Amino acid sequence: GSLVVNYPFDDDEQGIAIYSKSPDDAVFQKLALAYSKENAKMYQGSPCKDMYPTEYFPHGITNGAQWYNVPGGMQDWNYLHTNCFEVTIELGCVKYPRAEELPKYWAQNRRSLLQFIKQV
């Protein structure tokens, strides 16, 4: 896991980790930033320093393929085949947090979720 909003494309024709710009790249960046700006830790861009010390996401967002290449991912498929705009929101460095930590996740993401909904 991580703490970042990633947006299409998740795949690149060359199959390498490189920025893969979609025709709606500016819209995707705006949506991703709307979410990340309301989550202070996400927006800082270095969420998992203990696990991934060199990982950095400017303003808490990344193009999926630039982060790592995912051929055949759902957000790309939905975008290309159904015109559905989809982003992937990674909520934390731990994939399976303990139940008692869930209120903390809610507190960190409540404003982000509301801001994201406002974008519709």
PDB file of N, CA and C in Angstrom:
ATOM      1  N   GLY A   1       0.817  -1.196   0.000  1.00  0.00           N
ATOM      2  CA  GLY A   1       0.000   0.000   0.000  1.00  0.00           C
ATOM      3  C   GLY A   1       0.854   1.249   0.000  1.00  0.00           C
ATOM      4  N   SER A   2       0.172   2.356  -0.172  1.00  0.00           N
ATOM      5  CA  SER A   2       0.809   3.651  -0.109  1.00  0.00           C
ATOM      6  C   SER A   2      -0.265   4.676   0.228  1.00  0.00           C
ATOM      7  N   LEU A   3       0.070   5.925   0.133  1.00  0.00           N
ATOM      8  CA  LEU A   3      -0.878   6.999   0.394  1.00  0.00           C
ATOM      9  C   LEU A   3      -0.761   7.961  -0.776  1.00  0.00           C
ATOM     10  N   VAL A   4      -1.587   7.718  -1.803  1.00  0.00           N
ATOM     11  CA  VAL A   4      -1.460   8.448  -3.059  1.00  0.00           C
ATOM     12  C   VAL A   4      -2.734   8.248  -3.878  1.00  0.00           C
ATOM     13  N   VAL A   5      -2.999   9.186  -4.769  1.00  0.00           N
ATOM     14  CA  VAL A   5      -4.056   9.024  -5.775  1.00  0.00           C
ATOM     15  C   VAL A   5      -3.357   8.834  -7.109  1.00  0.00           C
ATOM     16  N   ASN A   6      -3.636   7.713  -7.754  1.00  0.00           N
ATOM     17  CA  ASN A   6      -3.031   7.491  -9.066  1.00  0.00           C
ATOM     18  C   ASN A   6      -4.118   7.515 -10.134  1.00  0.00           C
ATOM     19  N   TYR A   7      -3.731   7.967 -11.312  1.00  0.00           N
ATOM     20  CA  TYR A   7      -4.697   8.188 -12.389  1.00  0.00           C
ATOM     21  C   TYR A   7      -4.152   7.604 -13.693  1.00  0.00           C
ATOM     22  N   PRO A   8      -5.047   7.363 -14.680  1.00  0.00           N
ATOM     23  CA  PRO A   8      -4.640   6.763 -15.949  1.00  0.00           C
ATOM     24  C   PRO A   8      -3.617   7.616 -16.706  1.00  0.00           C
ATOM     25  N   PHE A   9      -2.892   6.913 -17.450  1.00  0.00           N
ATOM     26  CA  PHE A   9      -2.906   5.489 -17.727  1.00  0.00           C
ATOM     27  C   PHE A   9      -2.000   4.736 -16.756  1.00  0.00           C
ATOM     28  N   ASP A  10      -2.359   3.479 -16.500  1.00  0.00           N
ATOM     29  CA  ASP A  10      -1.540   2.603 -15.665  1.00  0.00           C
ATOM     30  C   ASP A  10      -0.572   1.770 -16.488  1.00  0.00           C
ATOM     31  N   ASP A  11      -0.721   1.833 -17.789  1.00  0.00           N
ATOM     32  CA  ASP A  11       0.088   1.008 -18.680  1.00  0.00           C
ATOM     33  C   ASP A  11       0.722   1.900 -19.743  1.00  0.00           C
ATOM     34  N   ASP A  12       1.830   1.460 -20.254  1.00  0.00           N
ATOM     35  CA  ASP A  12       2.516   2.166 -21.314  1.00  0.00           C
ATOM     36  C   ASP A  12       2.790   1.188 -22.442  1.00  0.00           C
ATOM     37  N   GLU A  13       2.750   1.656 -23.666  1.00  0.00           N
ATOM     38  CA  GLU A  13       2.977   0.777 -24.816  1.00  0.00           C
ATOM     39  C   GLU A  13       4.295   0.034 -24.734  1.00  0.00           C
ATOM     40  N   GLN A  14       5.297   0.640 -24.111  1.00  0.00           N
ATOM     41  CA  GLN A  14       6.611   0.021 -24.008  1.00  0.00           C
ATOM     42  C   GLN A  14       6.704  -0.960 -22.843  1.00  0.00           C
ATOM     43  N   GLY A  15       5.718  -0.939 -21.951  1.00  0.00           N
ATOM     44  CA  GLY A  15       5.734  -1.848 -20.809  1.00  0.00           C
ATOM     45  C   GLY A  15       6.726  -1.463 -19.735  1.00  0.00           C
ATOM     46  N   ILE A  16       7.075  -0.172 -19.668  1.00  0.00           N
ATOM     47  CA  ILE A  16       8.021   0.286 -18.656  1.00  0.00           C
ATOM     48  C   ILE A  16       7.373   1.363 -17.786  1.00  0.00           C
ATOM     49  N   ALA A  17       7.988   1.659 -16.674  1.00  0.00           N
ATOM     50  CA  ALA A  17       7.476   2.691 -15.773  1.00  0.00           C
ATOM     51  C   ALA A  17       7.852   4.072 -16.322  1.00  0.00           C
ATOM     52  N   ILE A  18       6.931   4.654 -17.054  1.00  0.00           N
ATOM     53  CA  ILE A  18       7.131   5.969 -17.670  1.00  0.00           C
ATOM     54  C   ILE A  18       5.773   6.668 -17.722  1.00  0.00           C
ATOM     55  N   TYR A  19       5.772   7.995 -17.650  1.00  0.00           N
ATOM     56  CA  TYR A  19       4.523   8.749 -17.683  1.00  0.00           C
ATOM     57  C   TYR A  19       3.734   8.382 -18.926  1.00  0.00           C
ATOM     58  N   SER A  20       2.484   8.003 -18.732  1.00  0.00           N
ATOM     59  CA  SER A  20       1.626   7.600 -19.833  1.00  0.00           C
ATOM     60  C   SER A  20       0.381   8.484 -19.814  1.00  0.00           C
ATOM     61  N   LYS A  21       0.434   9.549 -20.571  1.00  0.00           N
ATOM     62  CA  LYS A  21      -0.590  10.590 -20.552  1.00  0.00           C
ATOM     63  C   LYS A  21      -1.847  10.161 -21.311  1.00  0.00           C
ATOM     64  N   SER A  22      -2.988  10.318 -20.661  1.00  0.00           N
ATOM     65  CA  SER A  22      -4.260  10.062 -21.320  1.00  0.00           C
ATOM     66  C   SER A  22      -4.744  11.346 -21.988  1.00  0.00           C
ATOM     67  N   PRO A  23      -5.713  11.271 -22.894  1.00  0.00           N
ATOM     68  CA  PRO A  23      -6.254  12.483 -23.502  1.00  0.00           C
ATOM     69  C   PRO A  23      -6.880  13.442 -22.477  1.00  0.00           C
ATOM     70  N   ASP A  24      -7.308  12.920 -21.340  1.00  0.00           N
ATOM     71  CA  ASP A  24      -7.930  13.733 -20.286  1.00  0.00           C
ATOM     72  C   ASP A  24      -7.004  13.905 -19.087  1.00  0.00           C
ATOM     73  N   ASP A  25      -5.716  13.953 -19.336  1.00  0.00           N
ATOM     74  CA  ASP A  25      -4.728  14.016 -18.264  1.00  0.00           C
ATOM     75  C   ASP A  25      -4.967  15.186 -17.300  1.00  0.00           C
ATOM     76  N   ALA A  26      -5.284  16.349 -17.823  1.00  0.00           N
ATOM     77  CA  ALA A  26      -5.503  17.521 -16.960  1.00  0.00           C
ATOM     78  C   ALA A  26      -6.692  17.323 -16.034  1.00  0.00           C
ATOM     79  N   VAL A  27      -7.742  16.696 -16.535  1.00  0.00           N
ATOM     80  CA  VAL A  27      -8.925  16.415 -15.699  1.00  0.00           C
ATOM     81  C   VAL A  27      -8.558  15.422 -14.605  1.00  0.00           C
ATOM     82  N   PHE A  28      -7.843  14.376 -14.962  1.00  0.00           N
ATOM     83  CA  PHE A  28      -7.443  13.379 -13.971  1.00  0.00           C
ATOM     84  C   PHE A  28      -6.552  13.998 -12.894  1.00  0.00           C
ATOM     85  N   GLN A  29      -5.633  14.857 -13.295  1.00  0.00           N
ATOM     86  CA  GLN A  29      -4.784  15.522 -12.309  1.00  0.00           C
ATOM     87  C   GLN A  29      -5.616  16.394 -11.370  1.00  0.00           C
ATOM     88  N   LYS A  30      -6.583  17.099 -11.924  1.00  0.00           N
ATOM     89  CA  LYS A  30      -7.447  17.950 -11.098  1.00  0.00           C
ATOM     90  C   LYS A  30      -8.224  17.117 -10.081  1.00  0.00           C
ATOM     91  N   LEU A  31      -8.788  16.007 -10.523  1.00  0.00           N
ATOM     92  CA  LEU A  31      -9.532  15.125  -9.615  1.00  0.00           C
ATOM     93  C   LEU A  31      -8.631  14.565  -8.515  1.00  0.00           C
ATOM     94  N   ALA A  32      -7.452  14.117  -8.911  1.00  0.00           N
ATOM     95  CA  ALA A  32      -6.508  13.547  -7.947  1.00  0.00           C
ATOM     96  C   ALA A  32      -6.072  14.601  -6.928  1.00  0.00           C
ATOM     97  N   LEU A  33      -5.780  15.801  -7.392  1.00  0.00           N
ATOM     98  CA  LEU A  33      -5.373  16.881  -6.484  1.00  0.00           C
ATOM     99  C   LEU A  33      -6.493  17.313  -5.555  1.00  0.00           C
ATOM    100  N   ALA A  34      -7.724  17.300  -6.047  1.00  0.00           N
ATOM    101  CA  ALA A  34      -8.860  17.665  -5.196  1.00  0.00           C
ATOM    102  C   ALA A  34      -8.913  16.749  -3.985  1.00  0.00           C
ATOM    103  N   TYR A  35      -8.610  15.470  -4.197  1.00  0.00           N
ATOM    104  CA  TYR A  35      -8.596  14.515  -3.087  1.00  0.00           C
ATOM    105  C   TYR A  35      -7.372  14.725  -2.195  1.00  0.00           C
ATOM    106  N   SER A  36      -6.200  14.763  -2.790  1.00  0.00           N
ATOM    107  CA  SER A  36      -4.965  14.770  -1.995  1.00  0.00           C
ATOM    108  C   SER A  36      -4.771  16.047  -1.186  1.00  0.00           C
ATOM    109  N   LYS A  37      -5.230  17.174  -1.691  1.00  0.00           N
ATOM    110  CA  LYS A  37      -5.035  18.445  -0.981  1.00  0.00           C
ATOM    111  C   LYS A  37      -5.706  18.461   0.387  1.00  0.00           C
ATOM    112  N   GLU A  38      -6.753  17.660   0.551  1.00  0.00           N
ATOM    113  CA  GLU A  38      -7.474  17.628   1.818  1.00  0.00           C
ATOM    114  C   GLU A  38      -6.913  16.590   2.796  1.00  0.00           C
ATOM    115  N   ASN A  39      -5.899  15.869   2.384  1.00  0.00           N
ATOM    116  CA  ASN A  39      -5.250  14.881   3.247  1.00  0.00           C
ATOM    117  C   ASN A  39      -3.790  15.320   3.397  1.00  0.00           C
ATOM    118  N   ALA A  40      -3.481  15.971   4.520  1.00  0.00           N
ATOM    119  CA  ALA A  40      -2.169  16.611   4.704  1.00  0.00           C
ATOM    120  C   ALA A  40      -1.007  15.641   4.498  1.00  0.00           C
ATOM    121  N   LYS A  41      -1.102  14.458   5.051  1.00  0.00           N
ATOM    122  CA  LYS A  41      -0.004  13.495   4.917  1.00  0.00           C
ATOM    123  C   LYS A  41       0.155  13.038   3.464  1.00  0.00           C
ATOM    124  N   MET A  42      -0.961  12.812   2.781  1.00  0.00           N
ATOM    125  CA  MET A  42      -0.905  12.411   1.379  1.00  0.00           C
ATOM    126  C   MET A  42      -0.278  13.520   0.536  1.00  0.00           C
ATOM    127  N   TYR A  43      -0.708  14.741   0.742  1.00  0.00           N
ATOM    128  CA  TYR A  43      -0.262  15.873  -0.064  1.00  0.00           C
ATOM    129  C   TYR A  43       1.243  16.130   0.070  1.00  0.00           C
ATOM    130  N   GLN A  44       1.825  15.755   1.203  1.00  0.00           N
ATOM    131  CA  GLN A  44       3.270  15.924   1.406  1.00  0.00           C
ATOM    132  C   GLN A  44       4.084  15.066   0.445  1.00  0.00           C
ATOM    133  N   GLY A  45       3.541  13.937   0.030  1.00  0.00           N
ATOM    134  CA  GLY A  45       4.166  13.150  -1.021  1.00  0.00           C
ATOM    135  C   GLY A  45       5.130  12.059  -0.627  1.00  0.00           C
ATOM    136  N   SER A  46       5.471  11.929   0.650  1.00  0.00           N
ATOM    137  CA  SER A  46       6.391  10.871   1.095  1.00  0.00           C
ATOM    138  C   SER A  46       5.747  10.081   2.237  1.00  0.00           C
ATOM    139  N   PRO A  47       4.717   9.317   1.938  1.00  0.00           N
ATOM    140  CA  PRO A  47       3.917   8.718   2.997  1.00  0.00           C
ATOM    141  C   PRO A  47       4.509   7.510   3.713  1.00  0.00           C
ATOM    142  N   CYS A  48       5.305   6.710   3.057  1.00  0.00           N
ATOM    143  CA  CYS A  48       5.763   5.438   3.631  1.00  0.00           C
ATOM    144  C   CYS A  48       7.280   5.413   3.752  1.00  0.00           C
ATOM    145  N   LYS A  49       7.850   6.402   4.416  1.00  0.00           N
ATOM    146  CA  LYS A  49       9.301   6.548   4.492  1.00  0.00           C
ATOM    147  C   LYS A  49       9.994   5.320   5.078  1.00  0.00           C
ATOM    148  N   ASP A  50       9.357   4.677   6.062  1.00  0.00           N
ATOM    149  CA  ASP A  50       9.968   3.489   6.671  1.00  0.00           C
ATOM    150  C   ASP A  50      10.022   2.313   5.703  1.00  0.00           C
ATOM    151  N   MET A  51       8.982   2.184   4.874  1.00  0.00           N
ATOM    152  CA  MET A  51       8.898   1.050   3.954  1.00  0.00           C
ATOM    153  C   MET A  51       9.557   1.337   2.602  1.00  0.00           C
ATOM    154  N   TYR A  52       9.340   2.548   2.095  1.00  0.00           N
ATOM    155  CA  TYR A  52       9.847   2.932   0.777  1.00  0.00           C
ATOM    156  C   TYR A  52      10.510   4.306   0.885  1.00  0.00           C
ATOM    157  N   PRO A  53      11.743   4.362   1.387  1.00  0.00           N
ATOM    158  CA  PRO A  53      12.382   5.654   1.676  1.00  0.00           C
ATOM    159  C   PRO A  53      12.593   6.561   0.462  1.00  0.00           C
ATOM    160  N   THR A  54      12.660   6.012  -0.733  1.00  0.00           N
ATOM    161  CA  THR A  54      12.907   6.842  -1.914  1.00  0.00           C
ATOM    162  C   THR A  54      11.624   7.193  -2.674  1.00  0.00           C
ATOM    163  N   GLU A  55      10.502   6.645  -2.243  1.00  0.00           N
ATOM    164  CA  GLU A  55       9.247   6.901  -2.949  1.00  0.00           C
ATOM    165  C   GLU A  55       8.748   8.315  -2.657  1.00  0.00           C
ATOM    166  N   TYR A  56       8.449   9.055  -3.723  1.00  0.00           N
ATOM    167  CA  TYR A  56       7.959  10.421  -3.570  1.00  0.00           C
ATOM    168  C   TYR A  56       6.912  10.698  -4.645  1.00  0.00           C
ATOM    169  N   PHE A  57       5.773  11.228  -4.216  1.00  0.00           N
ATOM    170  CA  PHE A  57       4.690  11.589  -5.125  1.00  0.00           C
ATOM    171  C   PHE A  57       4.416  13.084  -4.972  1.00  0.00           C
ATOM    172  N   PRO A  58       4.840  13.914  -5.924  1.00  0.00           N
ATOM    173  CA  PRO A  58       4.577  15.352  -5.807  1.00  0.00           C
ATOM    174  C   PRO A  58       3.090  15.635  -5.590  1.00  0.00           C
ATOM    175  N   HIS A  59       2.792  16.314  -4.513  1.00  0.00           N
ATOM    176  CA  HIS A  59       1.423  16.678  -4.127  1.00  0.00           C
ATOM    177  C   HIS A  59       0.518  15.474  -3.901  1.00  0.00           C
ATOM    178  N   GLY A  60       1.102  14.308  -3.671  1.00  0.00           N
ATOM    179  CA  GLY A  60       0.316  13.127  -3.324  1.00  0.00           C
ATOM    180  C   GLY A  60      -0.426  12.475  -4.470  1.00  0.00           C
ATOM    181  N   ILE A  61       0.004  12.759  -5.699  1.00  0.00           N
ATOM    182  CA  ILE A  61      -0.637  12.138  -6.859  1.00  0.00           C
ATOM    183  C   ILE A  61       0.436  11.570  -7.784  1.00  0.00           C
ATOM    184  N   THR A  62       0.017  10.626  -8.633  1.00  0.00           N
ATOM    185  CA  THR A  62       0.952  10.081  -9.620  1.00  0.00           C
ATOM    186  C   THR A  62       0.199   9.494 -10.797  1.00  0.00           C
ATOM    187  N   ASN A  63       0.815   9.561 -11.938  1.00  0.00           N
ATOM    188  CA  ASN A  63       0.348   8.825 -13.095  1.00  0.00           C
ATOM    189  C   ASN A  63       0.670   7.365 -12.828  1.00  0.00           C
ATOM    190  N   GLY A  64      -0.308   6.499 -12.994  1.00  0.00           N
ATOM    191  CA  GLY A  64      -0.134   5.095 -12.649  1.00  0.00           C
ATOM    192  C   GLY A  64       1.068   4.439 -13.301  1.00  0.00           C
ATOM    193  N   ALA A  65       1.228   4.621 -14.601  1.00  0.00           N
ATOM    194  CA  ALA A  65       2.329   3.975 -15.314  1.00  0.00           C
ATOM    195  C   ALA A  65       3.683   4.530 -14.895  1.00  0.00           C
ATOM    196  N   GLN A  66       3.716   5.792 -14.485  1.00  0.00           N
ATOM    197  CA  GLN A  66       4.988   6.353 -14.029  1.00  0.00           C
ATOM    198  C   GLN A  66       5.408   5.711 -12.711  1.00  0.00           C
ATOM    199  N   TRP A  67       4.430   5.369 -11.870  1.00  0.00           N
ATOM    200  CA  TRP A  67       4.728   4.727 -10.584  1.00  0.00           C
ATOM    201  C   TRP A  67       5.197   3.299 -10.843  1.00  0.00           C
ATOM    202  N   TYR A  68       4.339   2.495 -11.434  1.00  0.00           N
ATOM    203  CA  TYR A  68       4.705   1.153 -11.899  1.00  0.00           C
ATOM    204  C   TYR A  68       3.685   0.718 -12.933  1.00  0.00           C
ATOM    205  N   ASN A  69       4.125  -0.059 -13.904  1.00  0.00           N
ATOM    206  CA  ASN A  69       3.310  -0.457 -15.039  1.00  0.00           C
ATOM    207  C   ASN A  69       2.333  -1.570 -14.658  1.00  0.00           C
ATOM    208  N   VAL A  70       1.040  -1.367 -14.964  1.00  0.00           N
ATOM    209  CA  VAL A  70      -0.003  -2.366 -14.695  1.00  0.00           C
ATOM    210  C   VAL A  70      -0.783  -2.601 -15.992  1.00  0.00           C
ATOM    211  N   PRO A  71      -0.379  -3.575 -16.795  1.00  0.00           N
ATOM    212  CA  PRO A  71      -1.120  -3.860 -18.027  1.00  0.00           C
ATOM    213  C   PRO A  71      -2.498  -4.450 -17.711  1.00  0.00           C
ATOM    214  N   GLY A  72      -3.522  -3.966 -18.391  1.00  0.00           N
ATOM    215  CA  GLY A  72      -4.870  -4.521 -18.237  1.00  0.00           C
ATOM    216  C   GLY A  72      -5.573  -4.121 -16.961  1.00  0.00           C
ATOM    217  N   GLY A  73      -5.179  -3.015 -16.344  1.00  0.00           N
ATOM    218  CA  GLY A  73      -5.802  -2.578 -15.100  1.00  0.00           C
ATOM    219  C   GLY A  73      -7.228  -2.080 -15.307  1.00  0.00           C
ATOM    220  N   MET A  74      -8.020  -2.148 -14.234  1.00  0.00           N
ATOM    221  CA  MET A  74      -9.428  -1.787 -14.297  1.00  0.00           C
ATOM    222  C   MET A  74      -9.639  -0.308 -14.615  1.00  0.00           C
ATOM    223  N   GLN A  75      -8.842   0.600 -14.033  1.00  0.00           N
ATOM    224  CA  GLN A  75      -9.115   2.014 -14.301  1.00  0.00           C
ATOM    225  C   GLN A  75      -8.843   2.369 -15.758  1.00  0.00           C
ATOM    226  N   ASP A  76      -7.848   1.768 -16.362  1.00  0.00           N
ATOM    227  CA  ASP A  76      -7.599   2.009 -17.788  1.00  0.00           C
ATOM    228  C   ASP A  76      -8.705   1.391 -18.642  1.00  0.00           C
ATOM    229  N   TRP A  77      -9.103   0.179 -18.305  1.00  0.00           N
ATOM    230  CA  TRP A  77     -10.146  -0.499 -19.076  1.00  0.00           C
ATOM    231  C   TRP A  77     -11.438   0.308 -19.030  1.00  0.00           C
ATOM    232  N   ASN A  78     -11.839   0.737 -17.844  1.00  0.00           N
ATOM    233  CA  ASN A  78     -13.073   1.527 -17.722  1.00  0.00           C
ATOM    234  C   ASN A  78     -12.984   2.826 -18.515  1.00  0.00           C
ATOM    235  N   TYR A  79     -11.861   3.475 -18.464  1.00  0.00           N
ATOM    236  CA  TYR A  79     -11.677   4.733 -19.185  1.00  0.00           C
ATOM    237  C   TYR A  79     -11.758   4.505 -20.699  1.00  0.00           C
ATOM    238  N   LEU A  80     -11.065   3.504 -21.191  1.00  0.00           N
ATOM    239  CA  LEU A  80     -11.004   3.260 -22.627  1.00  0.00           C
ATOM    240  C   LEU A  80     -12.279   2.650 -23.207  1.00  0.00           C
ATOM    241  N   HIS A  81     -12.957   1.799 -22.444  1.00  0.00           N
ATOM    242  CA  HIS A  81     -14.082   1.041 -23.004  1.00  0.00           C
ATOM    243  C   HIS A  81     -15.455   1.520 -22.557  1.00  0.00           C
ATOM    244  N   THR A  82     -15.531   2.307 -21.491  1.00  0.00           N
ATOM    245  CA  THR A  82     -16.840   2.772 -21.030  1.00  0.00           C
ATOM    246  C   THR A  82     -16.885   4.283 -20.825  1.00  0.00           C
ATOM    247  N   ASN A  83     -15.759   4.962 -21.075  1.00  0.00           N
ATOM    248  CA  ASN A  83     -15.652   6.407 -20.864  1.00  0.00           C
ATOM    249  C   ASN A  83     -15.900   6.786 -19.399  1.00  0.00           C
ATOM    250  N   CYS A  84     -15.614   5.879 -18.504  1.00  0.00           N
ATOM    251  CA  CYS A  84     -15.748   6.121 -17.066  1.00  0.00           C
ATOM    252  C   CYS A  84     -14.407   6.613 -16.531  1.00  0.00           C
ATOM    253  N   PHE A  85     -14.413   7.783 -15.896  1.00  0.00           N
ATOM    254  CA  PHE A  85     -13.190   8.329 -15.325  1.00  0.00           C
ATOM    255  C   PHE A  85     -12.990   7.725 -13.948  1.00  0.00           C
ATOM    256  N   GLU A  86     -11.870   7.061 -13.774  1.00  0.00           N
ATOM    257  CA  GLU A  86     -11.600   6.335 -12.535  1.00  0.00           C
ATOM    258  C   GLU A  86     -10.182   6.622 -12.072  1.00  0.00           C
ATOM    259  N   VAL A  87     -10.028   6.820 -10.767  1.00  0.00           N
ATOM    260  CA  VAL A  87      -8.710   6.939 -10.159  1.00  0.00           C
ATOM    261  C   VAL A  87      -8.605   5.864  -9.085  1.00  0.00           C
ATOM    262  N   THR A  88      -7.383   5.565  -8.696  1.00  0.00           N
ATOM    263  CA  THR A  88      -7.149   4.614  -7.615  1.00  0.00           C
ATOM    264  C   THR A  88      -6.613   5.399  -6.427  1.00  0.00           C
ATOM    265  N   ILE A  89      -7.298   5.265  -5.300  1.00  0.00           N
ATOM    266  CA  ILE A  89      -6.902   5.971  -4.095  1.00  0.00           C
ATOM    267  C   ILE A  89      -6.326   4.960  -3.109  1.00  0.00           C
ATOM    268  N   GLU A  90      -5.035   5.085  -2.873  1.00  0.00           N
ATOM    269  CA  GLU A  90      -4.359   4.234  -1.884  1.00  0.00           C
ATOM    270  C   GLU A  90      -4.430   4.975  -0.553  1.00  0.00           C
ATOM    271  N   LEU A  91      -5.015   4.336   0.453  1.00  0.00           N
ATOM    272  CA  LEU A  91      -5.313   5.015   1.716  1.00  0.00           C
ATOM    273  C   LEU A  91      -4.271   4.856   2.806  1.00  0.00           C
ATOM    274  N   GLY A  92      -3.259   4.042   2.591  1.00  0.00           N
ATOM    275  CA  GLY A  92      -2.255   3.912   3.630  1.00  0.00           C
ATOM    276  C   GLY A  92      -1.177   2.903   3.289  1.00  0.00           C
ATOM    277  N   CYS A  93      -0.119   2.970   4.056  1.00  0.00           N
ATOM    278  CA  CYS A  93       1.042   2.110   3.838  1.00  0.00           C
ATOM    279  C   CYS A  93       0.763   0.663   4.233  1.00  0.00           C
ATOM    280  N   VAL A  94      -0.203   0.465   5.108  1.00  0.00           N
ATOM    281  CA  VAL A  94      -0.569  -0.872   5.572  1.00  0.00           C
ATOM    282  C   VAL A  94      -1.829  -1.308   4.829  1.00  0.00           C
ATOM    283  N   LYS A  95      -1.748  -2.423   4.126  1.00  0.00           N
ATOM    284  CA  LYS A  95      -2.893  -2.888   3.332  1.00  0.00           C
ATOM    285  C   LYS A  95      -4.077  -3.317   4.195  1.00  0.00           C
ATOM    286  N   TYR A  96      -3.813  -3.902   5.329  1.00  0.00           N
ATOM    287  CA  TYR A  96      -4.881  -4.419   6.180  1.00  0.00           C
ATOM    288  C   TYR A  96      -4.751  -3.839   7.582  1.00  0.00           C
ATOM    289  N   PRO A  97      -5.235  -2.600   7.782  1.00  0.00           N
ATOM    290  CA  PRO A  97      -5.116  -1.984   9.116  1.00  0.00           C
ATOM    291  C   PRO A  97      -6.019  -2.682  10.128  1.00  0.00           C
ATOM    292  N   ARG A  98      -5.651  -2.542  11.384  1.00  0.00           N
ATOM    293  CA  ARG A  98      -6.463  -3.113  12.463  1.00  0.00           C
ATOM    294  C   ARG A  98      -7.757  -2.318  12.585  1.00  0.00           C
ATOM    295  N   ALA A  99      -8.800  -2.968  13.053  1.00  0.00           N
ATOM    296  CA  ALA A  99     -10.125  -2.341  13.157  1.00  0.00           C
ATOM    297  C   ALA A  99     -10.088  -1.069  13.999  1.00  0.00           C
ATOM    298  N   GLU A 100      -9.314  -1.074  15.060  1.00  0.00           N
ATOM    299  CA  GLU A 100      -9.273   0.106  15.931  1.00  0.00           C
ATOM    300  C   GLU A 100      -8.604   1.315  15.260  1.00  0.00           C
ATOM    301  N   GLU A 101      -7.927   1.094  14.134  1.00  0.00           N
ATOM    302  CA  GLU A 101      -7.312   2.196  13.407  1.00  0.00           C
ATOM    303  C   GLU A 101      -8.252   2.834  12.378  1.00  0.00           C
ATOM    304  N   LEU A 102      -9.379   2.222  12.108  1.00  0.00           N
ATOM    305  CA  LEU A 102     -10.276   2.720  11.065  1.00  0.00           C
ATOM    306  C   LEU A 102     -10.796   4.132  11.334  1.00  0.00           C
ATOM    307  N   PRO A 103     -11.121   4.510  12.585  1.00  0.00           N
ATOM    308  CA  PRO A 103     -11.539   5.899  12.811  1.00  0.00           C
ATOM    309  C   PRO A 103     -10.468   6.918  12.400  1.00  0.00           C
ATOM    310  N   LYS A 104      -9.197   6.566  12.561  1.00  0.00           N
ATOM    311  CA  LYS A 104      -8.108   7.450  12.135  1.00  0.00           C
ATOM    312  C   LYS A 104      -8.126   7.618  10.613  1.00  0.00           C
ATOM    313  N   TYR A 105      -8.361   6.530   9.901  1.00  0.00           N
ATOM    314  CA  TYR A 105      -8.434   6.603   8.445  1.00  0.00           C
ATOM    315  C   TYR A 105      -9.611   7.480   8.009  1.00  0.00           C
ATOM    316  N   TRP A 106     -10.734   7.335   8.697  1.00  0.00           N
ATOM    317  CA  TRP A 106     -11.897   8.158   8.385  1.00  0.00           C
ATOM    318  C   TRP A 106     -11.564   9.637   8.605  1.00  0.00           C
ATOM    319  N   ALA A 107     -10.943   9.947   9.717  1.00  0.00           N
ATOM    320  CA  ALA A 107     -10.596  11.335  10.026  1.00  0.00           C
ATOM    321  C   ALA A 107      -9.639  11.919   8.975  1.00  0.00           C
ATOM    322  N   GLN A 108      -8.699  11.115   8.509  1.00  0.00           N
ATOM    323  CA  GLN A 108      -7.723  11.584   7.525  1.00  0.00           C
ATOM    324  C   GLN A 108      -8.333  11.777   6.135  1.00  0.00           C
ATOM    325  N   ASN A 109      -9.416  11.069   5.846  1.00  0.00           N
ATOM    326  CA  ASN A 109      -9.945  11.054   4.484  1.00  0.00           C
ATOM    327  C   ASN A 109     -11.341  11.648   4.317  1.00  0.00           C
ATOM    328  N   ARG A 110     -12.006  12.002   5.397  1.00  0.00           N
ATOM    329  CA  ARG A 110     -13.380  12.513   5.305  1.00  0.00           C
ATOM    330  C   ARG A 110     -13.456  13.755   4.407  1.00  0.00           C
ATOM    331  N   ARG A 111     -12.617  14.739   4.688  1.00  0.00           N
ATOM    332  CA  ARG A 111     -12.640  15.973   3.882  1.00  0.00           C
ATOM    333  C   ARG A 111     -12.240  15.699   2.431  1.00  0.00           C
ATOM    334  N   SER A 112     -11.301  14.782   2.238  1.00  0.00           N
ATOM    335  CA  SER A 112     -10.891  14.413   0.882  1.00  0.00           C
ATOM    336  C   SER A 112     -12.053  13.815   0.107  1.00  0.00           C
ATOM    337  N   LEU A 113     -12.789  12.926   0.742  1.00  0.00           N
ATOM    338  CA  LEU A 113     -13.932  12.288   0.079  1.00  0.00           C
ATOM    339  C   LEU A 113     -14.998  13.312  -0.286  1.00  0.00           C
ATOM    340  N   LEU A 114     -15.274  14.229   0.619  1.00  0.00           N
ATOM    341  CA  LEU A 114     -16.269  15.265   0.339  1.00  0.00           C
ATOM    342  C   LEU A 114     -15.820  16.169  -0.810  1.00  0.00           C
ATOM    343  N   GLN A 115     -14.554  16.539  -0.822  1.00  0.00           N
ATOM    344  CA  GLN A 115     -14.023  17.366  -1.901  1.00  0.00           C
ATOM    345  C   GLN A 115     -14.064  16.621  -3.240  1.00  0.00           C
ATOM    346  N   PHE A 116     -13.777  15.332  -3.196  1.00  0.00           N
ATOM    347  CA  PHE A 116     -13.810  14.505  -4.406  1.00  0.00           C
ATOM    348  C   PHE A 116     -15.236  14.447  -4.954  1.00  0.00           C
ATOM    349  N   ILE A 117     -16.212  14.252  -4.084  1.00  0.00           N
ATOM    350  CA  ILE A 117     -17.613  14.199  -4.498  1.00  0.00           C
ATOM    351  C   ILE A 117     -18.033  15.540  -5.120  1.00  0.00           C
ATOM    352  N   LYS A 118     -17.543  16.633  -4.580  1.00  0.00           N
ATOM    353  CA  LYS A 118     -17.882  17.961  -5.126  1.00  0.00           C
ATOM    354  C   LYS A 118     -17.418  18.113  -6.579  1.00  0.00           C
ATOM    355  N   GLN A 119     -16.412  17.383  -6.974  1.00  0.00           N
ATOM    356  CA  GLN A 119     -15.908  17.491  -8.339  1.00  0.00           C
ATOM    357  C   GLN A 119     -16.904  17.000  -9.381  1.00  0.00           C
ATOM    358  N   VAL A 120     -17.817  16.125  -8.969  1.00  0.00           N
ATOM    359  CA  VAL A 120     -18.805  15.582  -9.899  1.00  0.00           C
ATOM    360  C   VAL A 120     -19.679  16.700 -10.433  1.00  0.00           C
TER     361      VAL A 120
END
